[in-house]
Amino acid sequence: MNTKKRVYVFALSIYGLVIFSKALGHIDEAVSDLFDRLDKRVMPILVPLLRIWGAIAYAHLLVLRSYRSRKSK
């Protein structure tokens, strides 16, 4: 089998695992609902994370500024 056919078989097998596992009952409906809810709430989680990373970057700049001022004295 050439590489292109192997990629197609791999993609179809993953597709089958995702689609048919729910249809065959391997995935509970509660788990599926949880992932749907998490998928819809990406932005409210992302905004506080951006604020945290902004604070971390600002703290890093303050440390560098303090270090430079001590170094110049």
PDB file of N, CA and C in Angstrom:
ATOM      1  N   MET A   1       0.847  -1.181   0.000  1.00  0.00           N
ATOM      2  CA  MET A   1       0.000   0.000   0.000  1.00  0.00           C
ATOM      3  C   MET A   1       0.890   1.242   0.000  1.00  0.00           C
ATOM      4  N   ASN A   2       0.547   2.196  -0.829  1.00  0.00           N
ATOM      5  CA  ASN A   2       1.367   3.407  -0.842  1.00  0.00           C
ATOM      6  C   ASN A   2       0.974   4.339   0.302  1.00  0.00           C
ATOM      7  N   THR A   3       1.732   5.402   0.450  1.00  0.00           N
ATOM      8  CA  THR A   3       1.562   6.306   1.593  1.00  0.00           C
ATOM      9  C   THR A   3       0.212   7.003   1.581  1.00  0.00           C
ATOM     10  N   LYS A   4      -0.249   7.401   0.414  1.00  0.00           N
ATOM     11  CA  LYS A   4      -1.524   8.115   0.328  1.00  0.00           C
ATOM     12  C   LYS A   4      -2.686   7.235   0.790  1.00  0.00           C
ATOM     13  N   LYS A   5      -2.671   5.975   0.402  1.00  0.00           N
ATOM     14  CA  LYS A   5      -3.730   5.057   0.824  1.00  0.00           C
ATOM     15  C   LYS A   5      -3.672   4.819   2.333  1.00  0.00           C
ATOM     16  N   ARG A   6      -2.467   4.746   2.882  1.00  0.00           N
ATOM     17  CA  ARG A   6      -2.331   4.556   4.328  1.00  0.00           C
ATOM     18  C   ARG A   6      -2.899   5.743   5.094  1.00  0.00           C
ATOM     19  N   VAL A   7      -2.663   6.941   4.587  1.00  0.00           N
ATOM     20  CA  VAL A   7      -3.202   8.138   5.236  1.00  0.00           C
ATOM     21  C   VAL A   7      -4.719   8.121   5.184  1.00  0.00           C
ATOM     22  N   TYR A   8      -5.286   7.731   4.054  1.00  0.00           N
ATOM     23  CA  TYR A   8      -6.743   7.662   3.930  1.00  0.00           C
ATOM     24  C   TYR A   8      -7.340   6.628   4.886  1.00  0.00           C
ATOM     25  N   VAL A   9      -6.707   5.476   4.979  1.00  0.00           N
ATOM     26  CA  VAL A   9      -7.199   4.432   5.884  1.00  0.00           C
ATOM     27  C   VAL A   9      -7.117   4.909   7.331  1.00  0.00           C
ATOM     28  N   PHE A  10      -6.022   5.576   7.689  1.00  0.00           N
ATOM     29  CA  PHE A  10      -5.863   6.101   9.044  1.00  0.00           C
ATOM     30  C   PHE A  10      -6.930   7.147   9.354  1.00  0.00           C
ATOM     31  N   ALA A  11      -7.171   8.061   8.408  1.00  0.00           N
ATOM     32  CA  ALA A  11      -8.177   9.109   8.619  1.00  0.00           C
ATOM     33  C   ALA A  11      -9.574   8.509   8.761  1.00  0.00           C
ATOM     34  N   LEU A  12      -9.897   7.538   7.931  1.00  0.00           N
ATOM     35  CA  LEU A  12     -11.213   6.901   8.020  1.00  0.00           C
ATOM     36  C   LEU A  12     -11.373   6.105   9.312  1.00  0.00           C
ATOM     37  N   SER A  13     -10.301   5.509   9.796  1.00  0.00           N
ATOM     38  CA  SER A  13     -10.413   4.763  11.057  1.00  0.00           C
ATOM     39  C   SER A  13     -10.636   5.706  12.229  1.00  0.00           C
ATOM     40  N   ILE A  14      -9.978   6.863  12.230  1.00  0.00           N
ATOM     41  CA  ILE A  14     -10.224   7.854  13.285  1.00  0.00           C
ATOM     42  C   ILE A  14     -11.647   8.381  13.183  1.00  0.00           C
ATOM     43  N   TYR A  15     -12.099   8.657  11.972  1.00  0.00           N
ATOM     44  CA  TYR A  15     -13.471   9.121  11.766  1.00  0.00           C
ATOM     45  C   TYR A  15     -14.466   8.095  12.298  1.00  0.00           C
ATOM     46  N   GLY A  16     -14.201   6.831  12.035  1.00  0.00           N
ATOM     47  CA  GLY A  16     -15.077   5.773  12.530  1.00  0.00           C
ATOM     48  C   GLY A  16     -15.080   5.687  14.043  1.00  0.00           C
ATOM     49  N   LEU A  17     -13.919   5.887  14.654  1.00  0.00           N
ATOM     50  CA  LEU A  17     -13.856   5.866  16.120  1.00  0.00           C
ATOM     51  C   LEU A  17     -14.650   7.006  16.728  1.00  0.00           C
ATOM     52  N   VAL A  18     -14.593   8.163  16.097  1.00  0.00           N
ATOM     53  CA  VAL A  18     -15.276   9.332  16.643  1.00  0.00           C
ATOM     54  C   VAL A  18     -16.782   9.237  16.426  1.00  0.00           C
ATOM     55  N   ILE A  19     -17.191   8.907  15.225  1.00  0.00           N
ATOM     56  CA  ILE A  19     -18.613   8.910  14.879  1.00  0.00           C
ATOM     57  C   ILE A  19     -19.335   7.686  15.428  1.00  0.00           C
ATOM     58  N   PHE A  20     -18.802   6.514  15.176  1.00  0.00           N
ATOM     59  CA  PHE A  20     -19.540   5.299  15.498  1.00  0.00           C
ATOM     60  C   PHE A  20     -19.430   4.888  16.956  1.00  0.00           C
ATOM     61  N   SER A  21     -18.464   5.415  17.688  1.00  0.00           N
ATOM     62  CA  SER A  21     -18.389   5.053  19.105  1.00  0.00           C
ATOM     63  C   SER A  21     -19.586   5.604  19.872  1.00  0.00           C
ATOM     64  N   LYS A  22     -20.067   6.788  19.492  1.00  0.00           N
ATOM     65  CA  LYS A  22     -21.260   7.334  20.137  1.00  0.00           C
ATOM     66  C   LYS A  22     -22.502   6.559  19.692  1.00  0.00           C
ATOM     67  N   ALA A  23     -22.567   6.220  18.416  1.00  0.00           N
ATOM     68  CA  ALA A  23     -23.730   5.502  17.899  1.00  0.00           C
ATOM     69  C   ALA A  23     -23.823   4.090  18.486  1.00  0.00           C
ATOM     70  N   LEU A  24     -22.690   3.466  18.739  1.00  0.00           N
ATOM     71  CA  LEU A  24     -22.692   2.111  19.289  1.00  0.00           C
ATOM     72  C   LEU A  24     -22.823   2.089  20.807  1.00  0.00           C
ATOM     73  N   GLY A  25     -22.794   3.260  21.433  1.00  0.00           N
ATOM     74  CA  GLY A  25     -22.982   3.332  22.872  1.00  0.00           C
ATOM     75  C   GLY A  25     -21.708   3.239  23.683  1.00  0.00           C
ATOM     76  N   HIS A  26     -20.547   3.374  23.036  1.00  0.00           N
ATOM     77  CA  HIS A  26     -19.284   3.319  23.770  1.00  0.00           C
ATOM     78  C   HIS A  26     -19.026   4.606  24.547  1.00  0.00           C
ATOM     79  N   ILE A  27     -19.609   5.704  24.103  1.00  0.00           N
ATOM     80  CA  ILE A  27     -19.470   6.985  24.792  1.00  0.00           C
ATOM     81  C   ILE A  27     -20.808   7.315  25.434  1.00  0.00           C
ATOM     82  N   ASP A  28     -20.775   7.647  26.701  1.00  0.00           N
ATOM     83  CA  ASP A  28     -21.987   7.988  27.434  1.00  0.00           C
ATOM     84  C   ASP A  28     -22.498   9.352  26.968  1.00  0.00           C
ATOM     85  N   GLU A  29     -23.783   9.534  27.006  1.00  0.00           N
ATOM     86  CA  GLU A  29     -24.397  10.800  26.579  1.00  0.00           C
ATOM     87  C   GLU A  29     -23.962  11.955  27.475  1.00  0.00           C
ATOM     88  N   ALA A  30     -23.733  11.691  28.747  1.00  0.00           N
ATOM     89  CA  ALA A  30     -23.295  12.750  29.668  1.00  0.00           C
ATOM     90  C   ALA A  30     -21.912  13.265  29.291  1.00  0.00           C
ATOM     91  N   VAL A  31     -21.029  12.378  28.874  1.00  0.00           N
ATOM     92  CA  VAL A  31     -19.684  12.795  28.457  1.00  0.00           C
ATOM     93  C   VAL A  31     -19.764  13.630  27.194  1.00  0.00           C
ATOM     94  N   SER A  32     -20.609  13.215  26.276  1.00  0.00           N
ATOM     95  CA  SER A  32     -20.791  13.971  25.040  1.00  0.00           C
ATOM     96  C   SER A  32     -21.339  15.365  25.318  1.00  0.00           C
ATOM     97  N   ASP A  33     -22.305  15.467  26.224  1.00  0.00           N
ATOM     98  CA  ASP A  33     -22.855  16.772  26.595  1.00  0.00           C
ATOM     99  C   ASP A  33     -21.809  17.647  27.267  1.00  0.00           C
ATOM    100  N   LEU A  34     -20.955  17.048  28.088  1.00  0.00           N
ATOM    101  CA  LEU A  34     -19.899  17.811  28.751  1.00  0.00           C
ATOM    102  C   LEU A  34     -18.964  18.443  27.732  1.00  0.00           C
ATOM    103  N   PHE A  35     -18.541  17.669  26.733  1.00  0.00           N
ATOM    104  CA  PHE A  35     -17.653  18.216  25.715  1.00  0.00           C
ATOM    105  C   PHE A  35     -18.349  19.276  24.872  1.00  0.00           C
ATOM    106  N   ASP A  36     -19.635  19.113  24.628  1.00  0.00           N
ATOM    107  CA  ASP A  36     -20.379  20.140  23.900  1.00  0.00           C
ATOM    108  C   ASP A  36     -20.431  21.439  24.691  1.00  0.00           C
ATOM    109  N   ARG A  37     -20.654  21.342  25.994  1.00  0.00           N
ATOM    110  CA  ARG A  37     -20.693  22.545  26.837  1.00  0.00           C
ATOM    111  C   ARG A  37     -19.328  23.211  26.918  1.00  0.00           C
ATOM    112  N   LEU A  38     -18.276  22.409  27.041  1.00  0.00           N
ATOM    113  CA  LEU A  38     -16.928  22.976  27.084  1.00  0.00           C
ATOM    114  C   LEU A  38     -16.567  23.640  25.766  1.00  0.00           C
ATOM    115  N   ASP A  39     -17.038  23.062  24.674  1.00  0.00           N
ATOM    116  CA  ASP A  39     -16.744  23.624  23.358  1.00  0.00           C
ATOM    117  C   ASP A  39     -17.415  24.976  23.173  1.00  0.00           C
ATOM    118  N   LYS A  40     -18.592  25.152  23.733  1.00  0.00           N
ATOM    119  CA  LYS A  40     -19.319  26.412  23.575  1.00  0.00           C
ATOM    120  C   LYS A  40     -18.766  27.514  24.467  1.00  0.00           C
ATOM    121  N   ARG A  41     -18.029  27.176  25.510  1.00  0.00           N
ATOM    122  CA  ARG A  41     -17.535  28.167  26.472  1.00  0.00           C
ATOM    123  C   ARG A  41     -16.034  28.386  26.356  1.00  0.00           C
ATOM    124  N   VAL A  42     -15.522  28.410  25.175  1.00  0.00           N
ATOM    125  CA  VAL A  42     -14.083  28.609  24.994  1.00  0.00           C
ATOM    126  C   VAL A  42     -13.694  30.040  25.315  1.00  0.00           C
ATOM    127  N   MET A  43     -14.449  31.007  24.880  1.00  0.00           N
ATOM    128  CA  MET A  43     -14.076  32.405  25.063  1.00  0.00           C
ATOM    129  C   MET A  43     -14.087  32.863  26.519  1.00  0.00           C
ATOM    130  N   PRO A  44     -15.086  32.527  27.354  1.00  0.00           N
ATOM    131  CA  PRO A  44     -15.024  32.988  28.742  1.00  0.00           C
ATOM    132  C   PRO A  44     -13.819  32.444  29.506  1.00  0.00           C
ATOM    133  N   ILE A  45     -13.334  31.280  29.155  1.00  0.00           N
ATOM    134  CA  ILE A  45     -12.152  30.735  29.812  1.00  0.00           C
ATOM    135  C   ILE A  45     -10.900  31.410  29.278  1.00  0.00           C
ATOM    136  N   LEU A  46     -10.905  31.733  28.005  1.00  0.00           N
ATOM    137  CA  LEU A  46      -9.718  32.291  27.368  1.00  0.00           C
ATOM    138  C   LEU A  46      -9.422  33.705  27.846  1.00  0.00           C
ATOM    139  N   VAL A  47     -10.434  34.502  28.098  1.00  0.00           N
ATOM    140  CA  VAL A  47     -10.220  35.897  28.495  1.00  0.00           C
ATOM    141  C   VAL A  47      -9.489  36.010  29.829  1.00  0.00           C
ATOM    142  N   PRO A  48      -9.887  35.294  30.891  1.00  0.00           N
ATOM    143  CA  PRO A  48      -9.099  35.384  32.127  1.00  0.00           C
ATOM    144  C   PRO A  48      -7.678  34.863  31.969  1.00  0.00           C
ATOM    145  N   LEU A  49      -7.490  33.850  31.127  1.00  0.00           N
ATOM    146  CA  LEU A  49      -6.138  33.356  30.905  1.00  0.00           C
ATOM    147  C   LEU A  49      -5.267  34.415  30.254  1.00  0.00           C
ATOM    148  N   LEU A  50      -5.839  35.174  29.335  1.00  0.00           N
ATOM    149  CA  LEU A  50      -5.071  36.246  28.715  1.00  0.00           C
ATOM    150  C   LEU A  50      -4.695  37.303  29.739  1.00  0.00           C
ATOM    151  N   ARG A  51      -5.591  37.581  30.678  1.00  0.00           N
ATOM    152  CA  ARG A  51      -5.276  38.544  31.734  1.00  0.00           C
ATOM    153  C   ARG A  51      -4.145  38.036  32.611  1.00  0.00           C
ATOM    154  N   ILE A  52      -4.170  36.749  32.926  1.00  0.00           N
ATOM    155  CA  ILE A  52      -3.114  36.173  33.763  1.00  0.00           C
ATOM    156  C   ILE A  52      -1.776  36.252  33.047  1.00  0.00           C
ATOM    157  N   TRP A  53      -1.759  35.892  31.764  1.00  0.00           N
ATOM    158  CA  TRP A  53      -0.495  35.934  31.029  1.00  0.00           C
ATOM    159  C   TRP A  53      -0.002  37.359  30.869  1.00  0.00           C
ATOM    160  N   GLY A  54      -0.914  38.308  30.761  1.00  0.00           N
ATOM    161  CA  GLY A  54      -0.498  39.709  30.702  1.00  0.00           C
ATOM    162  C   GLY A  54       0.144  40.147  31.999  1.00  0.00           C
ATOM    163  N   ALA A  55      -0.401  39.700  33.123  1.00  0.00           N
ATOM    164  CA  ALA A  55       0.180  40.039  34.423  1.00  0.00           C
ATOM    165  C   ALA A  55       1.543  39.386  34.597  1.00  0.00           C
ATOM    166  N   ILE A  56       1.679  38.172  34.120  1.00  0.00           N
ATOM    167  CA  ILE A  56       2.974  37.489  34.223  1.00  0.00           C
ATOM    168  C   ILE A  56       4.017  38.210  33.382  1.00  0.00           C
ATOM    169  N   ALA A  57       3.652  38.632  32.195  1.00  0.00           N
ATOM    170  CA  ALA A  57       4.592  39.358  31.341  1.00  0.00           C
ATOM    171  C   ALA A  57       4.966  40.692  31.970  1.00  0.00           C
ATOM    172  N   TYR A  58       4.020  41.368  32.591  1.00  0.00           N
ATOM    173  CA  TYR A  58       4.292  42.649  33.238  1.00  0.00           C
ATOM    174  C   TYR A  58       5.216  42.456  34.434  1.00  0.00           C
ATOM    175  N   ALA A  59       5.008  41.410  35.204  1.00  0.00           N
ATOM    176  CA  ALA A  59       5.876  41.133  36.350  1.00  0.00           C
ATOM    177  C   ALA A  59       7.303  40.872  35.886  1.00  0.00           C
ATOM    178  N   HIS A  60       7.448  40.187  34.786  1.00  0.00           N
ATOM    179  CA  HIS A  60       8.774  39.931  34.224  1.00  0.00           C
ATOM    180  C   HIS A  60       9.466  41.240  33.856  1.00  0.00           C
ATOM    181  N   LEU A  61       8.720  42.167  33.274  1.00  0.00           N
ATOM    182  CA  LEU A  61       9.299  43.465  32.924  1.00  0.00           C
ATOM    183  C   LEU A  61       9.706  44.246  34.166  1.00  0.00           C
ATOM    184  N   LEU A  62       8.922  44.164  35.225  1.00  0.00           N
ATOM    185  CA  LEU A  62       9.277  44.850  36.471  1.00  0.00           C
ATOM    186  C   LEU A  62      10.557  44.285  37.079  1.00  0.00           C
ATOM    187  N   VAL A  63      10.714  42.982  37.025  1.00  0.00           N
ATOM    188  CA  VAL A  63      11.933  42.362  37.553  1.00  0.00           C
ATOM    189  C   VAL A  63      13.136  42.805  36.742  1.00  0.00           C
ATOM    190  N   LEU A  64      13.007  42.823  35.432  1.00  0.00           N
ATOM    191  CA  LEU A  64      14.121  43.273  34.595  1.00  0.00           C
ATOM    192  C   LEU A  64      14.469  44.726  34.872  1.00  0.00           C
ATOM    193  N   ARG A  65      13.467  45.558  35.041  1.00  0.00           N
ATOM    194  CA  ARG A  65      13.699  46.973  35.318  1.00  0.00           C
ATOM    195  C   ARG A  65      14.410  47.150  36.659  1.00  0.00           C
ATOM    196  N   SER A  66      13.983  46.399  37.651  1.00  0.00           N
ATOM    197  CA  SER A  66      14.616  46.469  38.965  1.00  0.00           C
ATOM    198  C   SER A  66      16.057  45.967  38.896  1.00  0.00           C
ATOM    199  N   TYR A  67      16.286  44.920  38.156  1.00  0.00           N
ATOM    200  CA  TYR A  67      17.637  44.369  38.021  1.00  0.00           C
ATOM    201  C   TYR A  67      18.553  45.362  37.318  1.00  0.00           C
ATOM    202  N   ARG A  68      18.063  46.008  36.274  1.00  0.00           N
ATOM    203  CA  ARG A  68      18.873  46.990  35.542  1.00  0.00           C
ATOM    204  C   ARG A  68      19.205  48.194  36.415  1.00  0.00           C
ATOM    205  N   SER A  69      18.244  48.635  37.239  1.00  0.00           N
ATOM    206  CA  SER A  69      18.509  49.794  38.091  1.00  0.00           C
ATOM    207  C   SER A  69      19.535  49.445  39.168  1.00  0.00           C
ATOM    208  N   ARG A  70      19.537  48.240  39.686  1.00  0.00           N
ATOM    209  CA  ARG A  70      20.530  47.828  40.678  1.00  0.00           C
ATOM    210  C   ARG A  70      21.900  47.640  40.037  1.00  0.00           C
ATOM    211  N   LYS A  71      21.893  47.188  38.797  1.00  0.00           N
ATOM    212  CA  LYS A  71      23.146  46.937  38.095  1.00  0.00           C
ATOM    213  C   LYS A  71      23.865  48.245  37.772  1.00  0.00           C
ATOM    214  N   SER A  72      23.107  49.290  37.478  1.00  0.00           N
ATOM    215  CA  SER A  72      23.715  50.565  37.102  1.00  0.00           C
ATOM    216  C   SER A  72      24.259  51.326  38.307  1.00  0.00           C
ATOM    217  N   LYS A  73      23.845  51.002  39.525  1.00  0.00           N
ATOM    218  CA  LYS A  73      24.314  51.719  40.728  1.00  0.00           C
ATOM    219  C   LYS A  73      25.670  51.290  41.163  1.00  0.00           C
TER     220      LYS A  73
END
